[in-house]
Amino acid sequence: MRRWAYAMAIAAAALASAKAAPILYKAPPETARLAPGPDSDIAQAYCGSCHSVDYITTQPRKLAQPTTFWTNEVNKMKKAYGAQISDENSQKIIAYLARTYSVK
C-alpha cells in the first residue's frame, strides 16, 4: 500500500510539472558599455554574448596583478561555463581587460 501511495505521489508531481507554464523572463536593457580600445570589440562579442557588461565593469580595479586576475576570470568562463573562446582571442581579451579595467 505504501509503494502505491509513493508511486501516485510521483505521478501527480510529474503531471503537475508537465502542466506548469514556463517562466518568461526578459532581461533589462544593457546599461554599461565596454571602454573603447584595441580588442574591445572582441571582448564585447565574447563576454557580452553570455553576461552583462556590468559584470566586467564592476570588478575590482585596484589589482596587484591585473593580468593574473583577468586570466583567471577568462579561464573560469571557459572551463566552468563552457565559453568557446580560442586561446588567441583569450589573450586579446585578457590584455584588453588588464589594460582597461585596472588602476595602476
N, C-alpha and C. Protein backbone atom coordinates (compact mmCIF):
# COMPACT_ATOMS: atom_id res chain seq x y z
N MET A 1 0.82 -1.19 0.00
CA MET A 1 0.00 0.00 0.00
C MET A 1 0.87 1.26 0.00
N ARG A 2 1.93 1.18 0.75
CA ARG A 2 2.82 2.33 0.85
C ARG A 2 3.50 2.62 -0.49
N ARG A 3 3.90 1.58 -1.20
CA ARG A 3 4.53 1.77 -2.51
C ARG A 3 3.55 2.39 -3.49
N TRP A 4 2.32 1.99 -3.41
CA TRP A 4 1.30 2.53 -4.31
C TRP A 4 1.12 4.02 -4.06
N ALA A 5 1.07 4.44 -2.82
CA ALA A 5 0.91 5.85 -2.47
C ALA A 5 2.12 6.66 -2.95
N TYR A 6 3.29 6.09 -2.80
CA TYR A 6 4.51 6.75 -3.25
C TYR A 6 4.50 6.92 -4.77
N ALA A 7 4.11 5.88 -5.48
CA ALA A 7 4.03 5.94 -6.94
C ALA A 7 3.01 6.98 -7.38
N MET A 8 1.90 7.06 -6.71
CA MET A 8 0.86 8.03 -7.05
C MET A 8 1.36 9.46 -6.80
N ALA A 9 2.10 9.65 -5.74
CA ALA A 9 2.63 10.99 -5.44
C ALA A 9 3.62 11.43 -6.52
N ILE A 10 4.46 10.51 -6.97
CA ILE A 10 5.41 10.82 -8.03
C ILE A 10 4.68 11.12 -9.33
N ALA A 11 3.67 10.33 -9.64
CA ALA A 11 2.90 10.55 -10.86
C ALA A 11 2.19 11.90 -10.81
N ALA A 12 1.64 12.27 -9.67
CA ALA A 12 0.95 13.55 -9.53
C ALA A 12 1.93 14.70 -9.69
N ALA A 13 3.12 14.57 -9.13
CA ALA A 13 4.13 15.63 -9.25
C ALA A 13 4.57 15.77 -10.70
N ALA A 14 4.76 14.66 -11.37
CA ALA A 14 5.16 14.70 -12.78
C ALA A 14 4.08 15.35 -13.63
N LEU A 15 2.84 15.03 -13.38
CA LEU A 15 1.74 15.61 -14.12
C LEU A 15 1.63 17.11 -13.87
N ALA A 16 1.81 17.52 -12.62
CA ALA A 16 1.73 18.95 -12.29
C ALA A 16 2.84 19.72 -12.96
N SER A 17 4.05 19.16 -12.98
CA SER A 17 5.16 19.88 -13.60
C SER A 17 5.01 19.93 -15.11
N ALA A 18 4.38 18.94 -15.70
CA ALA A 18 4.18 18.94 -17.14
C ALA A 18 3.19 20.03 -17.55
N LYS A 19 2.27 20.36 -16.67
CA LYS A 19 1.26 21.37 -16.97
C LYS A 19 1.73 22.78 -16.64
N ALA A 20 2.81 22.91 -15.91
CA ALA A 20 3.29 24.23 -15.49
C ALA A 20 3.77 25.03 -16.70
N ALA A 21 3.37 26.28 -16.73
CA ALA A 21 3.79 27.15 -17.82
C ALA A 21 5.23 27.60 -17.59
N PRO A 22 6.00 27.74 -18.66
CA PRO A 22 7.37 28.21 -18.49
C PRO A 22 7.38 29.65 -17.99
N ILE A 23 8.40 29.97 -17.24
CA ILE A 23 8.55 31.33 -16.75
C ILE A 23 9.23 32.14 -17.85
N LEU A 24 8.59 33.19 -18.28
CA LEU A 24 9.16 34.05 -19.30
C LEU A 24 9.88 35.20 -18.62
N TYR A 25 11.09 35.44 -19.05
CA TYR A 25 11.90 36.49 -18.44
C TYR A 25 12.56 37.31 -19.53
N LYS A 26 12.41 38.60 -19.45
CA LYS A 26 13.07 39.48 -20.41
C LYS A 26 14.11 40.28 -19.63
N ALA A 27 15.36 40.15 -20.05
CA ALA A 27 16.44 40.85 -19.38
C ALA A 27 16.28 42.35 -19.57
N PRO A 28 16.67 43.11 -18.55
CA PRO A 28 16.60 44.56 -18.72
C PRO A 28 17.62 45.02 -19.75
N PRO A 29 17.43 46.19 -20.31
CA PRO A 29 18.38 46.67 -21.31
C PRO A 29 19.77 46.87 -20.70
N GLU A 30 20.76 46.66 -21.52
CA GLU A 30 22.15 46.82 -21.09
C GLU A 30 22.39 48.28 -20.71
N THR A 31 23.05 48.50 -19.58
CA THR A 31 23.30 49.87 -19.13
C THR A 31 24.78 50.24 -19.24
N ALA A 32 25.64 49.28 -19.36
CA ALA A 32 27.08 49.56 -19.41
C ALA A 32 27.63 49.26 -20.80
N ARG A 33 28.71 49.93 -21.12
CA ARG A 33 29.42 49.68 -22.37
C ARG A 33 30.88 49.49 -22.02
N LEU A 34 31.53 48.63 -22.77
CA LEU A 34 32.97 48.47 -22.58
C LEU A 34 33.68 49.72 -23.09
N ALA A 35 34.73 50.09 -22.40
CA ALA A 35 35.51 51.25 -22.80
C ALA A 35 36.16 50.97 -24.15
N PRO A 36 36.25 51.98 -25.00
CA PRO A 36 36.89 51.77 -26.30
C PRO A 36 38.37 51.47 -26.13
N GLY A 37 38.90 50.73 -27.07
CA GLY A 37 40.32 50.41 -27.05
C GLY A 37 40.59 49.22 -27.95
N PRO A 38 41.87 48.93 -28.18
CA PRO A 38 42.22 47.79 -29.01
C PRO A 38 41.62 46.50 -28.45
N ASP A 39 40.94 45.77 -29.30
CA ASP A 39 40.31 44.48 -28.99
C ASP A 39 39.07 44.58 -28.10
N SER A 40 38.54 45.79 -27.89
CA SER A 40 37.29 45.91 -27.13
C SER A 40 36.14 45.23 -27.86
N ASP A 41 36.21 45.21 -29.20
CA ASP A 41 35.16 44.55 -29.98
C ASP A 41 35.16 43.03 -29.74
N ILE A 42 36.34 42.46 -29.56
CA ILE A 42 36.43 41.02 -29.28
C ILE A 42 35.87 40.73 -27.90
N ALA A 43 36.24 41.55 -26.92
CA ALA A 43 35.73 41.37 -25.56
C ALA A 43 34.20 41.52 -25.54
N GLN A 44 33.71 42.53 -26.25
CA GLN A 44 32.25 42.75 -26.31
C GLN A 44 31.55 41.54 -26.93
N ALA A 45 32.10 41.03 -28.00
CA ALA A 45 31.47 39.92 -28.71
C ALA A 45 31.43 38.66 -27.85
N TYR A 46 32.54 38.31 -27.24
CA TYR A 46 32.59 37.07 -26.47
C TYR A 46 31.98 37.23 -25.08
N CYS A 47 32.40 38.23 -24.35
CA CYS A 47 31.93 38.39 -22.97
C CYS A 47 30.46 38.81 -22.94
N GLY A 48 30.12 39.76 -23.80
CA GLY A 48 28.75 40.27 -23.82
C GLY A 48 27.73 39.30 -24.37
N SER A 49 28.18 38.21 -24.99
CA SER A 49 27.22 37.24 -25.51
C SER A 49 26.64 36.37 -24.39
N CYS A 50 27.30 36.32 -23.25
CA CYS A 50 26.82 35.46 -22.16
C CYS A 50 26.35 36.23 -20.93
N HIS A 51 26.94 37.37 -20.69
CA HIS A 51 26.54 38.12 -19.49
C HIS A 51 26.63 39.62 -19.75
N SER A 52 26.07 40.36 -18.84
CA SER A 52 26.06 41.81 -18.93
C SER A 52 27.47 42.37 -18.84
N VAL A 53 27.69 43.46 -19.51
CA VAL A 53 28.97 44.15 -19.41
C VAL A 53 29.16 44.67 -17.98
N ASP A 54 28.06 44.88 -17.25
CA ASP A 54 28.15 45.29 -15.85
C ASP A 54 29.01 44.31 -15.05
N TYR A 55 28.98 43.05 -15.42
CA TYR A 55 29.78 42.05 -14.73
C TYR A 55 31.26 42.40 -14.82
N ILE A 56 31.68 42.94 -15.94
CA ILE A 56 33.08 43.32 -16.14
C ILE A 56 33.38 44.64 -15.46
N THR A 57 32.54 45.62 -15.70
CA THR A 57 32.84 46.97 -15.23
C THR A 57 32.75 47.12 -13.72
N THR A 58 32.14 46.18 -13.03
CA THR A 58 32.04 46.26 -11.57
C THR A 58 33.08 45.41 -10.85
N GLN A 59 34.01 44.82 -11.58
CA GLN A 59 35.08 44.05 -10.95
C GLN A 59 36.06 45.01 -10.27
N PRO A 60 36.82 44.50 -9.30
CA PRO A 60 37.79 45.38 -8.61
C PRO A 60 38.76 46.01 -9.60
N ARG A 61 39.15 47.25 -9.31
CA ARG A 61 40.08 47.96 -10.19
C ARG A 61 41.50 47.99 -9.63
N LYS A 62 41.63 48.02 -8.32
CA LYS A 62 42.96 48.10 -7.71
C LYS A 62 43.50 46.68 -7.55
N LEU A 63 44.15 46.22 -8.58
CA LEU A 63 44.66 44.86 -8.62
C LEU A 63 46.18 44.87 -8.63
N ALA A 64 46.78 44.06 -7.76
CA ALA A 64 48.24 43.97 -7.75
C ALA A 64 48.74 43.35 -9.05
N GLN A 65 48.00 42.38 -9.56
CA GLN A 65 48.39 41.69 -10.79
C GLN A 65 47.16 41.58 -11.70
N PRO A 66 46.85 42.64 -12.43
CA PRO A 66 45.63 42.62 -13.25
C PRO A 66 45.62 41.53 -14.32
N THR A 67 46.76 41.24 -14.90
CA THR A 67 46.80 40.19 -15.93
C THR A 67 46.45 38.84 -15.34
N THR A 68 46.96 38.55 -14.15
CA THR A 68 46.64 37.28 -13.48
C THR A 68 45.16 37.21 -13.14
N PHE A 69 44.61 38.30 -12.61
CA PHE A 69 43.19 38.34 -12.26
C PHE A 69 42.32 38.05 -13.49
N TRP A 70 42.58 38.77 -14.59
CA TRP A 70 41.74 38.61 -15.78
C TRP A 70 41.98 37.27 -16.47
N THR A 71 43.21 36.76 -16.37
CA THR A 71 43.47 35.41 -16.91
C THR A 71 42.61 34.39 -16.17
N ASN A 72 42.57 34.50 -14.85
CA ASN A 72 41.75 33.58 -14.07
C ASN A 72 40.27 33.72 -14.40
N GLU A 73 39.81 34.94 -14.60
CA GLU A 73 38.40 35.15 -14.94
C GLU A 73 38.05 34.56 -16.30
N VAL A 74 38.88 34.81 -17.28
CA VAL A 74 38.62 34.28 -18.63
C VAL A 74 38.69 32.75 -18.61
N ASN A 75 39.67 32.20 -17.92
CA ASN A 75 39.77 30.73 -17.82
C ASN A 75 38.57 30.14 -17.11
N LYS A 76 38.06 30.83 -16.09
CA LYS A 76 36.85 30.36 -15.40
C LYS A 76 35.67 30.31 -16.36
N MET A 77 35.54 31.34 -17.18
CA MET A 77 34.44 31.37 -18.14
C MET A 77 34.55 30.22 -19.14
N LYS A 78 35.77 29.90 -19.52
CA LYS A 78 35.98 28.81 -20.48
C LYS A 78 35.76 27.45 -19.83
N LYS A 79 36.35 27.23 -18.66
CA LYS A 79 36.32 25.90 -18.04
C LYS A 79 35.02 25.63 -17.30
N ALA A 80 34.58 26.57 -16.49
CA ALA A 80 33.39 26.34 -15.67
C ALA A 80 32.09 26.56 -16.43
N TYR A 81 32.09 27.52 -17.36
CA TYR A 81 30.85 27.88 -18.03
C TYR A 81 30.83 27.52 -19.51
N GLY A 82 31.93 26.98 -20.01
CA GLY A 82 31.95 26.49 -21.38
C GLY A 82 32.06 27.56 -22.46
N ALA A 83 32.59 28.73 -22.13
CA ALA A 83 32.76 29.77 -23.15
C ALA A 83 33.70 29.27 -24.24
N GLN A 84 33.27 29.40 -25.45
CA GLN A 84 34.04 28.92 -26.61
C GLN A 84 34.92 30.06 -27.13
N ILE A 85 36.05 30.26 -26.48
CA ILE A 85 36.97 31.33 -26.85
C ILE A 85 38.31 30.70 -27.19
N SER A 86 38.84 31.01 -28.36
CA SER A 86 40.14 30.46 -28.75
C SER A 86 41.23 31.04 -27.84
N ASP A 87 42.37 30.36 -27.80
CA ASP A 87 43.49 30.85 -26.99
C ASP A 87 43.94 32.22 -27.47
N GLU A 88 43.94 32.42 -28.78
CA GLU A 88 44.35 33.72 -29.34
C GLU A 88 43.42 34.83 -28.87
N ASN A 89 42.11 34.61 -28.97
CA ASN A 89 41.16 35.63 -28.53
C ASN A 89 41.16 35.78 -27.02
N SER A 90 41.41 34.69 -26.30
CA SER A 90 41.52 34.79 -24.84
C SER A 90 42.63 35.76 -24.46
N GLN A 91 43.77 35.64 -25.12
CA GLN A 91 44.90 36.52 -24.82
C GLN A 91 44.57 37.98 -25.15
N LYS A 92 43.86 38.20 -26.22
CA LYS A 92 43.46 39.56 -26.59
C LYS A 92 42.49 40.14 -25.57
N ILE A 93 41.54 39.33 -25.13
CA ILE A 93 40.56 39.77 -24.14
C ILE A 93 41.26 40.08 -22.82
N ILE A 94 42.13 39.19 -22.39
CA ILE A 94 42.86 39.38 -21.13
C ILE A 94 43.68 40.67 -21.18
N ALA A 95 44.41 40.88 -22.27
CA ALA A 95 45.23 42.09 -22.39
C ALA A 95 44.36 43.34 -22.37
N TYR A 96 43.24 43.31 -23.10
CA TYR A 96 42.33 44.46 -23.12
C TYR A 96 41.80 44.74 -21.72
N LEU A 97 41.31 43.71 -21.04
CA LEU A 97 40.73 43.92 -19.71
C LEU A 97 41.77 44.38 -18.70
N ALA A 98 42.95 43.79 -18.72
CA ALA A 98 44.01 44.18 -17.78
C ALA A 98 44.44 45.63 -18.03
N ARG A 99 44.50 46.01 -19.28
CA ARG A 99 44.91 47.37 -19.65
C ARG A 99 43.82 48.38 -19.32
N THR A 100 42.59 48.01 -19.54
CA THR A 100 41.48 48.96 -19.46
C THR A 100 40.79 49.00 -18.11
N TYR A 101 40.71 47.86 -17.44
CA TYR A 101 39.93 47.78 -16.20
C TYR A 101 40.81 47.47 -14.99
N SER A 102 41.87 48.26 -14.85
CA SER A 102 42.68 48.20 -13.63
C SER A 102 43.29 49.57 -13.40
N VAL A 103 43.45 49.90 -12.15
CA VAL A 103 44.08 51.15 -11.77
C VAL A 103 45.52 50.83 -11.39
N LYS A 104 46.44 51.51 -11.99
CA LYS A 104 47.85 51.23 -11.71
C LYS A 104 48.38 52.14 -10.65
